[in-house]
Amino acid sequence: MSRRVVITGGLGALGAAVEAAFVACGDSVVLIDVAPQLPAGRSADQVIVDVDLADMTRAQYALARAAAQLGGIDVLVNTAGGYAWERAAPESFVTLQRMWLANVATCFNACVAALSHMADRGRIVNVGALAAGRGSEGHAPYAAAKSAVARLTEALADEASERGIGVNAVLPGIIDTPANRAAMPDADHQAWTAPAAIADVIEFLASPRARAISGALVPVAAACSE
């Protein structure tokens, strides 16, 4: 049965891979993104742009519009987020705020807005980070925010269980994207994880095959060949 899928951050590298995974399964997909305008070749029925999900009002509008276009929501995948490396210092509080808005506020707002349109036994998959499991140098703002995504996932799993809605998160390591390669040209890219491999895990968690899994934080950080 075709699923009605909403993907936040859908125009990013991971969002595009997630979209491809669901489309390959025959599902109907609407993307939501902060990008200011539609990409060439895409329609407003496929992509809702210029949406700051850190604003609850705009999140509610975007999710209501996506639900209207799809006829409801079966799956929400939250790939929207952001990354920053900065040592803890007085001036890095601004970075902490930015990471909170980009990762936690967008996830919380999208989940809350989607739940009122989601069918019972629906699925939510958030994107956390393996780096949040243990803080390390330069990762105080980012790890703090992604740790909050993990706790949010667990709490929502409990709250949504009465409707049979599963809420899980994947925890990627470094994702092999053009942006990450440009930022870290000397790194061992062979050890990174392809977006398509992460998308496969997300699609599984959003499927009936994962109906007994909720509140899980799934590491997805192995190097793999396509």
Protein backbone atom coordinates (compact mmCIF):
# COMPACT_ATOMS: atom_id res chain seq x y z
CA MET A 1 0.00 0.00 0.00
CA SER A 2 1.37 3.41 -0.97
CA ARG A 3 2.49 5.57 1.96
CA ARG A 4 1.95 9.32 2.24
CA VAL A 5 5.36 10.67 3.19
CA VAL A 6 6.59 14.10 4.30
CA ILE A 7 10.34 14.80 4.40
CA THR A 8 11.69 17.93 6.08
CA GLY A 9 15.00 19.25 4.80
CA GLY A 10 14.02 17.42 1.65
CA LEU A 11 16.26 19.36 -0.71
CA GLY A 12 19.46 18.44 1.13
CA ALA A 13 21.69 15.52 0.20
CA LEU A 14 20.18 13.15 2.78
CA GLY A 15 16.65 14.38 2.07
CA ALA A 16 17.09 13.67 -1.63
CA ALA A 17 18.29 10.13 -0.89
CA VAL A 18 15.35 9.54 1.44
CA GLU A 19 12.94 10.80 -1.20
CA ALA A 20 14.45 8.43 -3.76
CA ALA A 21 14.09 5.47 -1.38
CA PHE A 22 10.37 6.11 -0.80
CA VAL A 23 9.62 6.91 -4.44
CA ALA A 24 11.26 3.60 -5.39
CA CYS A 25 8.71 1.92 -3.10
CA GLY A 26 5.85 3.61 -4.95
CA ASP A 27 5.06 6.10 -2.19
CA SER A 28 3.72 9.65 -2.52
CA VAL A 29 6.17 12.23 -1.18
CA VAL A 30 6.04 15.94 -0.31
CA LEU A 31 9.23 17.76 0.64
CA ILE A 32 9.47 20.71 3.01
CA ASP A 33 12.57 22.90 2.91
CA VAL A 34 13.92 26.27 4.02
CA ALA A 35 15.17 26.99 0.48
CA PRO A 36 13.74 30.32 -0.76
CA GLN A 37 12.43 29.03 -4.08
CA LEU A 38 11.49 25.90 -5.96
CA PRO A 39 14.33 24.08 -7.72
CA ALA A 40 14.09 23.82 -11.48
CA GLY A 41 11.82 21.01 -12.57
CA ARG A 42 9.95 20.74 -9.27
CA SER A 43 6.36 21.84 -8.61
CA ALA A 44 4.65 23.31 -5.56
CA ASP A 45 2.75 20.02 -5.22
CA GLN A 46 6.06 18.22 -4.68
CA VAL A 47 8.05 20.73 -2.64
CA ILE A 48 6.96 23.34 -0.10
CA VAL A 49 9.73 25.92 0.13
CA ASP A 50 10.63 28.94 2.24
CA VAL A 51 9.57 27.21 5.46
CA ASP A 52 11.45 27.95 8.69
CA LEU A 53 10.39 24.96 10.77
CA ALA A 54 11.89 26.56 13.88
CA ASP A 55 8.76 28.75 13.80
CA MET A 56 5.82 26.69 15.08
CA THR A 57 3.23 28.69 13.15
CA ARG A 58 5.05 28.15 9.86
CA ALA A 59 5.61 24.49 10.70
CA GLN A 60 1.90 23.99 11.32
CA TYR A 61 1.05 25.70 8.04
CA ALA A 62 3.55 23.62 6.05
CA LEU A 63 2.50 20.29 7.56
CA ALA A 64 -1.20 21.11 7.09
CA ARG A 65 -0.52 21.98 3.46
CA ALA A 66 1.46 18.77 2.92
CA ALA A 67 -1.31 16.73 4.54
CA ALA A 68 -3.90 18.37 2.29
CA GLN A 69 -1.83 17.60 -0.79
CA LEU A 70 -1.30 13.97 0.23
CA GLY A 71 -4.70 13.34 1.80
CA GLY A 72 -3.09 12.73 5.19
CA ILE A 73 0.31 11.72 6.53
CA ASP A 74 1.54 8.18 7.16
CA VAL A 75 5.25 8.94 7.53
CA LEU A 76 7.26 11.96 8.66
CA VAL A 77 11.03 11.97 8.19
CA ASN A 78 12.95 14.86 9.75
CA THR A 79 16.24 15.38 7.95
CA ALA A 80 16.21 19.15 8.53
CA GLY A 81 19.11 20.22 10.71
CA GLY A 82 22.49 21.87 10.85
CA TYR A 83 26.10 21.30 11.93
CA ALA A 84 28.77 23.49 13.48
CA TRP A 85 32.20 22.81 15.03
CA GLU A 86 33.18 25.36 17.67
CA ARG A 87 34.99 25.15 20.99
CA ALA A 88 32.97 26.20 24.04
CA ALA A 89 33.46 29.90 24.77
CA PRO A 90 31.25 32.87 25.67
CA GLU A 91 30.77 33.73 22.00
CA SER A 92 29.82 30.14 21.12
CA PHE A 93 26.50 30.53 22.94
CA VAL A 94 25.24 32.01 19.67
CA THR A 95 26.22 28.77 17.95
CA LEU A 96 24.44 26.76 20.63
CA GLN A 97 21.27 28.75 19.96
CA ARG A 98 21.65 28.24 16.23
CA MET A 99 22.15 24.47 16.64
CA TRP A 100 19.13 24.28 18.95
CA LEU A 101 16.89 26.04 16.44
CA ALA A 102 18.22 24.10 13.44
CA ASN A 103 18.08 20.64 15.03
CA VAL A 104 15.73 20.60 18.02
CA ALA A 105 13.13 23.26 17.26
CA THR A 106 12.66 22.09 13.67
CA CYS A 107 12.25 18.47 14.77
CA PHE A 108 9.91 19.23 17.67
CA ASN A 109 7.72 21.60 15.64
CA ALA A 110 7.46 19.27 12.65
CA CYS A 111 6.57 16.28 14.84
CA VAL A 112 3.93 18.17 16.82
CA ALA A 113 2.44 19.71 13.68
CA ALA A 114 2.39 16.37 11.83
CA LEU A 115 0.78 14.33 14.61
CA SER A 116 -2.60 16.03 14.21
CA HIS A 117 -2.64 14.95 10.53
CA MET A 118 -1.04 11.54 10.96
CA ALA A 119 -2.93 8.30 10.57
CA ASP A 120 -2.92 5.87 13.49
CA ARG A 121 -0.01 3.44 13.22
CA GLY A 122 1.96 6.11 11.37
CA ARG A 123 5.74 6.43 11.60
CA ILE A 124 8.14 9.25 12.47
CA VAL A 125 11.88 8.97 11.86
CA ASN A 126 14.17 11.70 13.16
CA VAL A 127 17.84 12.23 12.34
CA GLY A 128 20.08 12.46 15.38
CA ALA A 129 23.85 12.04 15.37
CA LEU A 130 26.34 9.46 16.55
CA ALA A 131 28.49 12.38 17.74
CA ALA A 132 25.86 13.15 20.40
CA GLY A 133 26.53 9.87 22.20
CA ARG A 134 29.64 11.34 23.79
CA GLY A 135 30.69 14.97 23.60
CA SER A 136 34.08 15.76 22.06
CA GLU A 137 36.18 18.81 21.32
CA GLY A 138 34.34 21.39 19.27
CA HIS A 139 31.04 19.56 19.50
CA ALA A 140 29.46 21.12 22.59
CA PRO A 141 26.73 23.07 20.73
CA TYR A 142 26.06 20.36 18.14
CA ALA A 143 26.17 17.39 20.52
CA ALA A 144 23.92 19.16 23.02
CA ALA A 145 21.32 19.79 20.33
CA LYS A 146 21.42 16.31 18.83
CA SER A 147 21.25 14.79 22.33
CA ALA A 148 18.00 16.68 22.76
CA VAL A 149 16.72 15.15 19.50
CA ALA A 150 17.37 11.70 20.98
CA ARG A 151 15.46 12.47 24.18
CA LEU A 152 12.65 14.07 22.15
CA THR A 153 12.39 10.91 20.06
CA GLU A 154 12.09 8.71 23.15
CA ALA A 155 9.49 10.98 24.77
CA LEU A 156 7.35 11.22 21.64
CA ALA A 157 7.52 7.44 21.22
CA ASP A 158 5.88 7.09 24.63
CA GLU A 159 3.29 9.78 23.95
CA ALA A 160 2.31 8.46 20.51
CA SER A 161 2.18 4.79 21.51
CA GLU A 162 -1.53 4.94 22.36
CA ARG A 163 -2.21 5.58 18.68
CA GLY A 164 0.22 2.90 17.54
CA ILE A 165 2.54 5.53 16.05
CA GLY A 166 6.20 4.55 16.04
CA VAL A 167 8.85 7.21 16.64
CA ASN A 168 12.51 6.36 16.07
CA ALA A 169 15.76 8.08 15.15
CA VAL A 170 18.78 7.19 13.09
CA LEU A 171 22.20 8.28 14.36
CA PRO A 172 24.54 8.82 11.41
CA GLY A 173 28.27 9.33 11.68
CA ILE A 174 29.82 11.50 8.98
CA ILE A 175 27.61 11.44 5.89
CA ASP A 176 29.35 11.30 2.53
CA THR A 177 27.96 14.46 0.95
CA PRO A 178 29.55 17.03 -1.39
CA ALA A 179 29.37 19.64 1.38
CA ASN A 180 31.20 17.41 3.87
CA ARG A 181 33.85 16.49 1.30
CA ALA A 182 34.42 20.16 0.58
CA ALA A 183 34.67 20.96 4.30
CA MET A 184 37.01 18.01 5.04
CA PRO A 185 38.99 17.36 1.83
CA ASP A 186 41.80 15.49 3.61
CA ALA A 187 39.56 13.11 5.57
CA ASP A 188 39.19 9.40 4.80
CA HIS A 189 35.99 9.56 2.79
CA GLN A 190 35.98 5.76 2.46
CA ALA A 191 34.97 5.56 6.12
CA TRP A 192 31.93 7.77 5.69
CA THR A 193 28.37 6.55 5.16
CA ALA A 194 26.50 7.10 1.90
CA PRO A 195 23.18 8.97 2.12
CA ALA A 196 21.45 6.13 0.24
CA ALA A 197 22.52 3.63 2.91
CA ILE A 198 21.05 5.82 5.65
CA ALA A 199 17.90 6.28 3.57
CA ASP A 200 17.47 2.50 3.40
CA VAL A 201 17.43 2.30 7.20
CA ILE A 202 14.99 5.20 7.42
CA GLU A 203 12.65 3.53 4.92
CA PHE A 204 12.79 0.31 6.96
CA LEU A 205 11.93 2.14 10.19
CA ALA A 206 8.99 3.76 8.39
CA SER A 207 7.67 0.44 7.13
CA PRO A 208 5.36 -2.22 8.62
CA ARG A 209 8.45 -4.44 8.95
CA ALA A 210 9.51 -2.21 11.85
CA ARG A 211 6.10 -2.15 13.52
CA ALA A 212 7.53 -3.56 16.78
CA ILE A 213 10.23 -0.86 17.01
CA SER A 214 9.60 2.49 18.67
CA GLY A 215 11.78 4.76 20.78
CA ALA A 216 14.92 3.30 19.21
CA LEU A 217 18.10 5.24 18.43
CA VAL A 218 19.73 3.35 15.57
CA PRO A 219 23.41 3.95 14.79
CA VAL A 220 23.99 4.21 11.02
CA ALA A 221 27.67 4.89 10.65
CA ALA A 222 29.31 2.01 8.84
CA ALA A 223 31.30 2.53 5.68
CA CYS A 224 29.57 0.79 2.79
CA SER A 225 29.79 0.44 -0.94
CA GLU A 226 26.91 1.39 -3.20
